[in-house]
């Protein structure tokens, strides 16, 4: 199989794009757990999001993290757009609306993930104390309007801000007012990827439901448990949502490649500059290259392919690993629960095979119906003869079994399944975080959304 270095000075072919995914295959002993989480930062004095520039803004947040800890700045031209901890192989980035995101290291087990986020949250707490900021882990802004949100000065986001309104109603809301948690897991082969990806895509609505945490829109109830999920449904149909070809019996690396080839490119990145071709698919770029208005010609590279893949936003995304992307942001227990449930289901063959059996007869339309019903009806949803609680408990039991088989203990001799406890509680009492927020908003807060900032800080 070709390696990346073999492609230097050679025309890029479609088979090279497919082999890119093959190169991501790892033996089981090298599998890791990657976890990413986005949060909103806000000023406690006015309960509005912090801006990029100005007093107690994002730049000031970064300055404290750099001076107090092992973070180093990442610049785009004169602007700091992120931080990196090279020694520990992790980074902090900014989403378009100033959401701060930790992209964690590739951890060997969930206990390492727990320690990593515990340390990160201690760092954020120090920053919040110094600058009098609040930190909110939620899927969609409770009451902020789009005009309230900062605009991170990153060239890539400038391109997206111009493009998004041309393809969907809520693209700018997605960029600036949503926050998520995602988990990244490995595969050992194309066959292993096929099973994991299909299982993850089919189970995404059910797993996402347990993390519903965004029932508000601009200070009032939205009528949904996850308004973040609603926003994503009208963002960009060419690159987001659920993928029907995953369920047609022929899904593999080639099929995902064909999908990605036909998605329009946001940009071509060269010499720290973004070139923005109009409606150029990667397929056309691969075949014909691109000639810019200034006469310069560009030929597709594997780096272009890697960047392009990062601009696709399906509920489950393929890179050289698999990303589960469907959950609302939340607190540390929520972050750990998400990492735990997917690790237990996908990293144990017995649990994975059992999940594959469960979803084997589900269709793409079943998936869309389930996703829509759960967000409006919650635990009252009916699906293929299942009670939702029974189906969720079956999945949680399979995940628990998978984690216990791993037999990895922390310093207190606890196994990784301890991180599933919150999910068992949610299913037992039929009460997601969104259910709790709705109850508090209507019964305890007298519909004063500002109360959320006292209750749900970090």
Protein backbone atom coordinates (compact mmCIF):
# COMPACT_ATOMS: atom_id res chain seq x y z
CA UNK A 1 0.00 0.00 0.00
CA UNK A 2 1.30 3.46 -0.88
CA UNK A 3 2.38 5.81 1.86
CA UNK A 4 1.96 9.57 1.78
CA UNK A 5 5.60 10.07 0.82
CA UNK A 6 5.05 8.03 -2.36
CA UNK A 7 2.72 10.69 -3.71
CA UNK A 8 5.30 13.47 -3.94
CA UNK A 9 5.57 14.81 -7.50
CA UNK A 10 3.03 12.27 -8.73
CA UNK A 11 -0.47 13.05 -10.02
CA UNK A 12 -3.04 12.28 -7.35
CA UNK A 13 -5.45 9.52 -8.31
CA UNK A 14 -8.76 8.38 -6.88
CA UNK A 15 -7.14 5.21 -5.54
CA UNK A 16 -4.78 7.41 -3.52
CA UNK A 17 -7.76 8.99 -1.78
CA UNK A 18 -9.12 5.56 -0.93
CA UNK A 19 -5.73 4.41 0.30
CA UNK A 20 -5.67 7.43 2.60
CA UNK A 21 -8.37 5.70 4.66
CA UNK A 22 -6.59 2.34 4.49
CA UNK A 23 -3.55 4.04 5.99
CA UNK A 24 -5.65 4.83 9.05
CA UNK A 25 -6.03 1.15 9.99
CA UNK A 26 -4.39 0.24 13.30
CA UNK A 27 -3.90 -2.98 15.16
CA UNK A 28 -6.14 -3.26 18.22
CA UNK A 29 -3.24 -2.75 20.62
CA UNK A 30 -2.74 0.74 19.15
CA UNK A 31 -6.35 1.89 19.38
CA UNK A 32 -6.88 5.12 21.28
CA UNK A 33 -9.73 7.35 22.49
CA UNK A 34 -9.91 10.96 21.36
CA UNK A 35 -12.44 13.33 22.91
CA UNK A 36 -13.34 16.89 21.90
CA UNK A 37 -15.58 19.35 23.71
CA UNK A 38 -16.79 22.87 22.96
CA UNK A 39 -17.96 25.42 25.52
CA UNK A 40 -19.25 28.99 25.57
CA UNK A 41 -17.48 31.70 27.57
CA UNK A 42 -19.47 34.66 28.86
CA UNK A 43 -19.09 37.77 31.00
CA UNK A 44 -20.69 37.38 34.40
CA UNK A 45 -21.53 41.07 34.64
CA UNK A 46 -23.84 41.16 31.59
CA UNK A 47 -24.34 37.43 30.85
CA UNK A 48 -23.27 37.93 27.22
CA UNK A 49 -20.61 35.99 25.32
CA UNK A 50 -17.08 37.31 25.50
CA UNK A 51 -15.68 38.89 22.35
CA UNK A 52 -12.42 38.08 20.61
CA UNK A 53 -10.85 41.50 21.22
CA UNK A 54 -11.27 43.83 24.16
CA UNK A 55 -11.43 43.61 27.94
CA UNK A 56 -11.63 40.05 29.30
CA UNK A 57 -11.94 38.71 25.76
CA UNK A 58 -10.63 35.57 24.13
CA UNK A 59 -7.13 37.01 23.70
CA UNK A 60 -6.95 37.60 27.45
CA UNK A 61 -8.13 34.03 28.08
CA UNK A 62 -5.33 32.73 25.88
CA UNK A 63 -2.73 34.95 27.56
CA UNK A 64 -3.53 33.44 30.96
CA UNK A 65 -3.47 29.88 29.64
CA UNK A 66 -0.09 30.56 28.02
CA UNK A 67 1.44 32.21 31.08
CA UNK A 68 0.11 29.76 33.68
CA UNK A 69 0.33 26.44 31.85
CA UNK A 70 2.19 24.63 29.05
CA UNK A 71 0.15 26.06 26.16
CA UNK A 72 1.82 27.76 23.21
CA UNK A 73 0.04 30.10 20.78
CA UNK A 74 -1.05 29.21 17.25
CA UNK A 75 -1.17 32.25 14.97
CA UNK A 76 -2.89 33.03 11.72
CA UNK A 77 -1.06 36.14 10.57
CA UNK A 78 -1.16 38.46 13.62
CA UNK A 79 -4.10 36.78 15.38
CA UNK A 80 -3.96 33.99 17.96
CA UNK A 81 -6.48 31.40 16.79
CA UNK A 82 -5.62 28.54 19.11
CA UNK A 83 -3.17 26.94 21.53
CA UNK A 84 -1.10 23.78 21.42
CA UNK A 85 0.51 21.61 24.05
CA UNK A 86 3.05 19.73 21.97
CA UNK A 87 4.43 17.72 24.87
CA UNK A 88 1.00 16.24 25.63
CA UNK A 89 -0.27 16.23 22.02
CA UNK A 90 -3.43 18.25 22.56
CA UNK A 91 -4.76 21.59 21.41
CA UNK A 92 -7.30 24.30 22.12
CA UNK A 93 -9.10 25.83 19.17
CA UNK A 94 -11.85 28.36 18.59
CA UNK A 95 -15.09 27.72 16.78
CA UNK A 96 -16.44 30.60 14.65
CA UNK A 97 -18.55 32.11 17.47
CA UNK A 98 -15.78 31.98 20.05
CA UNK A 99 -16.66 28.56 21.44
CA UNK A 100 -13.52 27.23 23.10
CA UNK A 101 -12.71 23.62 22.22
CA UNK A 102 -10.29 21.15 23.73
CA UNK A 103 -9.11 18.56 21.23
CA UNK A 104 -7.70 16.04 23.64
CA UNK A 105 -4.75 13.75 23.29
CA UNK A 106 -5.11 10.22 22.01
CA UNK A 107 -5.71 8.47 25.29
CA UNK A 108 -5.14 4.77 25.90
CA UNK A 109 -8.11 4.49 28.26
CA UNK A 110 -11.02 6.46 29.71
CA UNK A 111 -9.26 7.11 33.00
CA UNK A 112 -6.66 9.11 31.07
CA UNK A 113 -9.49 11.02 29.38
CA UNK A 114 -10.99 11.80 32.78
CA UNK A 115 -7.67 13.12 34.10
CA UNK A 116 -7.18 15.19 30.97
CA UNK A 117 -10.54 16.94 31.19
CA UNK A 118 -10.27 17.36 34.97
CA UNK A 119 -7.01 19.22 34.44
CA UNK A 120 -8.45 21.28 31.57
CA UNK A 121 -11.49 22.31 33.60
CA UNK A 122 -9.22 23.38 36.47
CA UNK A 123 -7.36 25.58 34.00
CA UNK A 124 -10.59 27.10 32.72
CA UNK A 125 -11.76 27.67 36.29
CA UNK A 126 -8.59 29.63 37.03
CA UNK A 127 -9.15 31.75 33.93
CA UNK A 128 -12.77 32.36 34.86
CA UNK A 129 -11.78 33.52 38.35
CA UNK A 130 -9.13 35.91 37.04
CA UNK A 131 -11.40 37.44 34.38
CA UNK A 132 -14.79 37.00 36.10
CA UNK A 133 -16.08 34.79 33.30
CA UNK A 134 -18.64 32.03 33.20
CA UNK A 135 -18.25 28.79 31.26
CA UNK A 136 -21.31 27.11 29.82
CA UNK A 137 -21.47 23.57 28.46
CA UNK A 138 -24.72 23.42 26.50
CA UNK A 139 -25.69 22.52 22.93
CA UNK A 140 -27.18 25.85 21.85
CA UNK A 141 -26.99 29.37 23.31
CA UNK A 142 -29.80 29.79 25.85
CA UNK A 143 -30.74 33.37 24.94
CA UNK A 144 -27.97 34.99 22.88
CA UNK A 145 -28.83 36.19 19.41
CA UNK A 146 -26.60 35.70 16.40
CA UNK A 147 -25.69 39.38 16.57
CA UNK A 148 -24.40 38.89 20.14
CA UNK A 149 -21.81 36.33 19.11
CA UNK A 150 -18.17 37.18 18.44
CA UNK A 151 -16.68 36.44 15.04
CA UNK A 152 -13.33 34.73 15.37
CA UNK A 153 -10.94 36.31 12.81
CA UNK A 154 -9.93 33.11 11.09
CA UNK A 155 -9.80 33.10 7.28
CA UNK A 156 -11.39 29.69 7.04
CA UNK A 157 -14.41 30.96 8.96
CA UNK A 158 -14.68 34.05 6.77
CA UNK A 159 -15.08 31.74 3.77
CA UNK A 160 -17.70 29.67 5.59
CA UNK A 161 -19.68 32.75 6.68
CA UNK A 162 -20.07 33.77 3.06
CA UNK A 163 -20.87 30.25 1.85
CA UNK A 164 -23.26 28.97 4.51
CA UNK A 165 -26.27 31.24 3.78
CA UNK A 166 -26.26 30.01 0.17
CA UNK A 167 -26.93 26.38 1.10
CA UNK A 168 -29.04 26.36 4.28
CA UNK A 169 -31.16 28.41 6.63
CA UNK A 170 -29.21 27.81 9.85
CA UNK A 171 -25.58 27.61 8.74
CA UNK A 172 -24.52 30.75 10.58
CA UNK A 173 -26.35 29.59 13.70
CA UNK A 174 -24.52 26.29 13.51
CA UNK A 175 -21.18 28.06 13.27
CA UNK A 176 -21.72 30.60 16.03
CA UNK A 177 -24.38 29.33 18.44
CA UNK A 178 -23.91 25.56 18.77
CA UNK A 179 -21.51 23.50 20.86
CA UNK A 180 -20.91 19.77 20.88
CA UNK A 181 -18.91 16.91 22.31
CA UNK A 182 -17.47 14.25 20.03
CA UNK A 183 -15.54 11.01 20.40
CA UNK A 184 -12.95 9.68 17.95
CA UNK A 185 -12.18 5.95 17.77
CA UNK A 186 -9.97 3.76 15.59
CA UNK A 187 -10.55 0.87 13.19
CA UNK A 188 -8.34 -2.09 12.34
CA UNK A 189 -9.36 -2.64 8.71
CA UNK A 190 -11.88 -1.69 6.08
CA UNK A 191 -14.26 -4.41 7.29
CA UNK A 192 -13.92 -3.25 10.90
CA UNK A 193 -14.59 0.33 9.78
CA UNK A 194 -17.69 -0.74 7.84
CA UNK A 195 -19.28 -2.36 10.88
CA UNK A 196 -18.29 0.37 13.34
CA UNK A 197 -19.38 3.19 11.05
CA UNK A 198 -22.77 1.65 10.27
CA UNK A 199 -23.44 0.83 13.93
CA UNK A 200 -22.41 4.33 14.99
CA UNK A 201 -24.58 5.97 12.34
CA UNK A 202 -27.62 3.83 13.18
CA UNK A 203 -27.28 4.30 16.95
CA UNK A 204 -26.46 8.01 16.77
CA UNK A 205 -30.05 9.19 17.40
CA UNK A 206 -30.34 7.03 20.51
CA UNK A 207 -26.97 8.00 21.91
CA UNK A 208 -27.58 11.67 21.09
CA UNK A 209 -30.88 11.51 22.97
CA UNK A 210 -29.14 10.69 26.24
CA UNK A 211 -27.13 13.90 25.82
CA UNK A 212 -29.95 16.26 24.84
CA UNK A 213 -29.01 19.56 26.45
CA UNK A 214 -30.33 22.46 24.36
CA UNK A 215 -34.10 22.99 24.67
CA UNK A 216 -33.89 26.80 24.43
CA UNK A 217 -33.85 29.31 21.62
CA UNK A 218 -33.35 33.01 22.41
CA UNK A 219 -34.69 32.80 25.95
CA UNK A 220 -37.69 30.53 25.44
CA UNK A 221 -38.40 26.85 24.99
CA UNK A 222 -37.91 25.74 21.40
CA UNK A 223 -40.32 22.80 21.57
CA UNK A 224 -37.40 20.40 21.07
CA UNK A 225 -35.00 18.71 23.44
CA UNK A 226 -32.01 19.59 21.27
CA UNK A 227 -32.29 22.76 19.26
CA UNK A 228 -28.68 22.19 18.20
CA UNK A 229 -29.85 19.09 16.34
CA UNK A 230 -32.58 21.11 14.62
CA UNK A 231 -30.07 23.69 13.45
CA UNK A 232 -27.87 21.01 11.90
CA UNK A 233 -30.79 19.73 9.81
CA UNK A 234 -30.84 22.93 7.74
CA UNK A 235 -27.17 23.79 7.53
CA UNK A 236 -25.82 22.22 4.33
CA UNK A 237 -27.50 19.08 2.97
CA UNK A 238 -24.50 18.25 0.79
CA UNK A 239 -22.18 17.77 3.75
CA UNK A 240 -24.19 17.20 6.93
CA UNK A 241 -26.76 14.82 8.42
CA UNK A 242 -27.10 11.07 8.02
CA UNK A 243 -25.61 9.26 5.03
CA UNK A 244 -28.04 6.97 3.12
CA UNK A 245 -25.35 5.00 1.28
CA UNK A 246 -24.09 3.60 4.59
CA UNK A 247 -27.20 1.38 4.62
CA UNK A 248 -27.27 0.19 1.00
CA UNK A 249 -25.05 -2.87 1.49
CA UNK A 250 -22.03 -1.58 -0.42
CA UNK A 251 -20.53 0.85 2.07
CA UNK A 252 -16.72 0.88 2.21
CA UNK A 253 -13.77 3.26 1.84
CA UNK A 254 -14.56 3.71 -1.84
CA UNK A 255 -18.18 4.64 -1.12
CA UNK A 256 -17.18 7.31 1.39
CA UNK A 257 -14.60 8.59 -1.08
CA UNK A 258 -17.29 8.90 -3.78
CA UNK A 259 -19.46 10.87 -1.37
CA UNK A 260 -16.63 13.23 -0.43
CA UNK A 261 -15.58 13.72 -4.05
CA UNK A 262 -18.95 15.22 -4.94
CA UNK A 263 -19.16 17.71 -2.07
CA UNK A 264 -18.24 21.28 -3.13
CA UNK A 265 -14.96 22.53 -1.69
CA UNK A 266 -14.91 25.49 0.66
CA UNK A 267 -11.42 26.49 -0.38
CA UNK A 268 -7.94 25.54 -1.56
CA UNK A 269 -5.24 26.36 0.98
CA UNK A 270 -1.82 27.41 -0.29
CA UNK A 271 1.00 29.46 1.27
CA UNK A 272 -1.19 30.45 4.24
CA UNK A 273 -3.86 31.81 1.89
CA UNK A 274 -7.38 30.58 1.11
CA UNK A 275 -8.46 30.39 -2.53
CA UNK A 276 -12.25 30.11 -2.87
CA UNK A 277 -13.40 28.41 -6.08
CA UNK A 278 -17.13 28.54 -6.82
CA UNK A 279 -18.98 25.21 -6.74
CA UNK A 280 -15.82 23.20 -7.39
CA UNK A 281 -16.23 19.61 -6.22
CA UNK A 282 -13.16 17.67 -5.20
CA UNK A 283 -13.87 15.33 -8.12
CA UNK A 284 -13.46 18.19 -10.60
CA UNK A 285 -10.43 19.47 -8.72
CA UNK A 286 -8.85 16.02 -8.84
CA UNK A 287 -9.50 15.63 -12.57
CA UNK A 288 -8.84 19.12 -13.89
CA UNK A 289 -7.10 21.11 -11.18
CA UNK A 290 -8.17 24.71 -10.70
CA UNK A 291 -7.13 27.93 -12.39
CA UNK A 292 -7.70 31.01 -10.27
CA UNK A 293 -8.70 34.43 -11.59
CA UNK A 294 -5.09 35.56 -11.35
CA UNK A 295 -4.01 32.76 -13.69
CA UNK A 296 -2.34 30.59 -11.05
CA UNK A 297 -3.06 26.87 -11.40
CA UNK A 298 -3.58 24.45 -8.51
CA UNK A 299 -3.37 20.65 -8.54
CA UNK A 300 -4.98 18.43 -5.90
CA UNK A 301 -2.80 16.99 -3.15
CA UNK A 302 -3.37 14.64 -0.24
CA UNK A 303 -3.20 17.64 2.06
CA UNK A 304 -6.11 19.15 0.10
CA UNK A 305 -8.01 15.89 0.58
CA UNK A 306 -7.37 15.86 4.31
CA UNK A 307 -8.55 19.47 4.65
CA UNK A 308 -11.62 18.76 2.51
CA UNK A 309 -12.59 15.80 4.69
CA UNK A 310 -12.52 18.11 7.72
CA UNK A 311 -15.15 20.33 6.05
CA UNK A 312 -17.69 17.50 5.84
CA UNK A 313 -20.10 17.38 8.77
CA UNK A 314 -22.12 14.13 8.80
CA UNK A 315 -23.32 12.75 12.11
CA UNK A 316 -20.51 10.20 11.87
CA UNK A 317 -17.41 11.29 9.98
CA UNK A 318 -14.56 9.26 8.52
CA UNK A 319 -10.96 10.40 8.56
CA UNK A 320 -8.12 8.08 9.54
CA UNK A 321 -10.43 7.28 12.45
CA UNK A 322 -14.19 7.47 13.07
CA UNK A 323 -15.77 10.54 14.65
CA UNK A 324 -19.10 10.36 16.50
CA UNK A 325 -20.39 13.94 16.28
CA UNK A 326 -24.04 13.98 17.35
CA UNK A 327 -24.08 15.01 21.02
CA UNK A 328 -24.84 18.34 22.68
CA UNK A 329 -22.08 19.82 24.79
CA UNK A 330 -22.26 19.20 28.53
CA UNK A 331 -20.31 19.02 31.79
CA UNK A 332 -17.48 16.63 32.61
CA UNK A 333 -19.80 13.77 33.53
CA UNK A 334 -21.48 14.16 30.17
CA UNK A 335 -18.16 14.23 28.32
CA UNK A 336 -16.99 11.09 30.05
CA UNK A 337 -20.30 9.30 29.54
CA UNK A 338 -20.17 9.92 25.80
CA UNK A 339 -16.61 8.66 25.53
CA UNK A 340 -17.53 5.64 27.63
CA UNK A 341 -20.66 4.52 25.80
CA UNK A 342 -18.99 4.58 22.38
CA UNK A 343 -15.79 2.95 23.62
CA UNK A 344 -17.72 0.10 25.24
CA UNK A 345 -19.88 -0.48 22.16
CA UNK A 346 -17.24 -0.21 19.44
CA UNK A 347 -14.04 -1.47 21.05
CA UNK A 348 -15.35 -4.87 22.14
CA UNK A 349 -16.13 -7.32 19.35
CA UNK A 350 -18.94 -9.10 21.18
CA UNK A 351 -20.71 -5.82 21.98
CA UNK A 352 -20.11 -4.49 18.47
CA UNK A 353 -21.53 -7.65 16.86
CA UNK A 354 -24.58 -7.52 19.13
CA UNK A 355 -25.19 -3.90 18.13
CA UNK A 356 -24.84 -4.85 14.48
CA UNK A 357 -27.48 -7.52 14.95
CA UNK A 358 -29.83 -5.00 16.58
CA UNK A 359 -29.60 -2.51 13.72
CA UNK A 360 -29.25 -5.04 10.88
CA UNK A 361 -32.80 -4.53 9.56
CA UNK A 362 -33.05 -0.79 10.20
CA UNK A 363 -33.39 1.32 7.08
CA UNK A 364 -32.21 4.84 6.39
CA UNK A 365 -35.81 6.07 6.65
CA UNK A 366 -36.14 4.33 10.03
CA UNK A 367 -33.13 6.30 11.17
CA UNK A 368 -34.54 9.66 10.05
CA UNK A 369 -37.89 8.92 11.68
CA UNK A 370 -36.24 7.87 14.94
CA UNK A 371 -34.05 10.96 15.02
CA UNK A 372 -37.00 13.30 14.49
CA UNK A 373 -39.31 11.53 16.94
CA UNK A 374 -36.79 11.40 19.76
CA UNK A 375 -36.13 15.12 19.59
CA UNK A 376 -39.80 16.01 19.90
CA UNK A 377 -41.24 13.10 21.93
CA UNK A 378 -38.26 11.93 23.97
CA UNK A 379 -38.87 8.80 26.01
CA UNK A 380 -42.42 8.56 24.65
CA UNK A 381 -41.09 7.68 21.20
CA UNK A 382 -42.24 4.39 19.71
CA UNK A 383 -39.78 2.60 17.44
CA UNK A 384 -40.12 -0.82 15.76
CA UNK A 385 -41.89 -2.40 18.72
CA UNK A 386 -39.27 -1.21 21.20
CA UNK A 387 -39.82 0.87 24.27
CA UNK A 388 -37.05 3.44 24.10
CA UNK A 389 -35.96 2.73 27.68
CA UNK A 390 -35.59 -0.98 26.88
CA UNK A 391 -33.52 -0.27 23.79
CA UNK A 392 -31.30 2.21 25.62
CA UNK A 393 -30.75 -0.16 28.54
CA UNK A 394 -29.78 -2.92 26.13
CA UNK A 395 -27.18 -0.64 24.56
CA UNK A 396 -25.88 0.53 27.93
CA UNK A 397 -25.57 -3.06 29.15
CA UNK A 398 -23.62 -3.97 26.02
CA UNK A 399 -21.34 -0.98 26.52
CA UNK A 400 -20.85 -1.85 30.19
CA UNK A 401 -19.93 -5.41 29.25
CA UNK A 402 -17.46 -4.12 26.67
CA UNK A 403 -15.79 -1.81 29.16
CA UNK A 404 -15.56 -4.45 31.87
CA UNK A 405 -13.89 -6.88 29.47
CA UNK A 406 -11.19 -4.26 28.90
CA UNK A 407 -10.45 -4.60 32.64
CA UNK A 408 -8.65 -1.25 32.92
CA UNK A 409 -8.63 0.18 36.45
CA UNK A 410 -7.86 3.60 37.86
CA UNK A 411 -5.90 4.28 41.04
CA UNK A 412 -9.02 3.44 43.07
CA UNK A 413 -9.34 0.06 41.30
CA UNK A 414 -12.48 1.15 39.45
CA UNK A 415 -13.14 -0.08 35.93
CA UNK A 416 -14.04 2.20 33.03
CA UNK A 417 -17.74 1.35 33.30
CA UNK A 418 -18.04 3.84 36.20
CA UNK A 419 -18.39 6.55 33.53
CA UNK A 420 -21.69 5.04 32.38
CA UNK A 421 -23.41 5.62 35.73
CA UNK A 422 -24.93 8.95 34.67
CA UNK A 423 -26.51 7.36 31.59
CA UNK A 424 -28.09 4.55 33.59
CA UNK A 425 -29.57 7.22 35.86
CA UNK A 426 -30.93 9.17 32.86
CA UNK A 427 -32.67 6.09 31.48
CA UNK A 428 -33.90 4.90 34.88
CA UNK A 429 -35.65 8.19 35.63
CA UNK A 430 -36.41 9.05 31.98
CA UNK A 431 -34.84 12.45 32.46
CA UNK A 432 -32.18 13.89 30.18
CA UNK A 433 -30.40 17.15 30.94
CA UNK A 434 -32.87 18.84 28.58
CA UNK A 435 -35.80 17.45 30.61
CA UNK A 436 -34.24 18.87 33.76
CA UNK A 437 -33.70 22.27 32.13
CA UNK A 438 -37.29 22.38 30.90
CA UNK A 439 -38.61 21.55 34.38
CA UNK A 440 -36.43 24.17 36.04
CA UNK A 441 -37.28 26.84 33.48
CA UNK A 442 -41.03 26.33 33.82
CA UNK A 443 -41.29 25.53 37.55
CA UNK A 444 -38.32 26.97 39.44
CA UNK A 445 -37.04 29.86 37.34
CA UNK A 446 -40.42 31.41 36.47
CA UNK A 447 -39.25 31.26 32.85
CA UNK A 448 -36.31 33.55 33.58
CA UNK A 449 -33.61 32.07 31.37
CA UNK A 450 -30.91 34.10 33.13
CA UNK A 451 -31.10 31.64 36.03
CA UNK A 452 -29.31 29.09 33.87
CA UNK A 453 -26.04 30.99 34.24
CA UNK A 454 -25.97 30.37 37.98
CA UNK A 455 -26.99 26.73 37.69
CA UNK A 456 -24.99 25.51 34.73
CA UNK A 457 -21.64 27.27 34.98
CA UNK A 458 -19.01 24.76 33.76
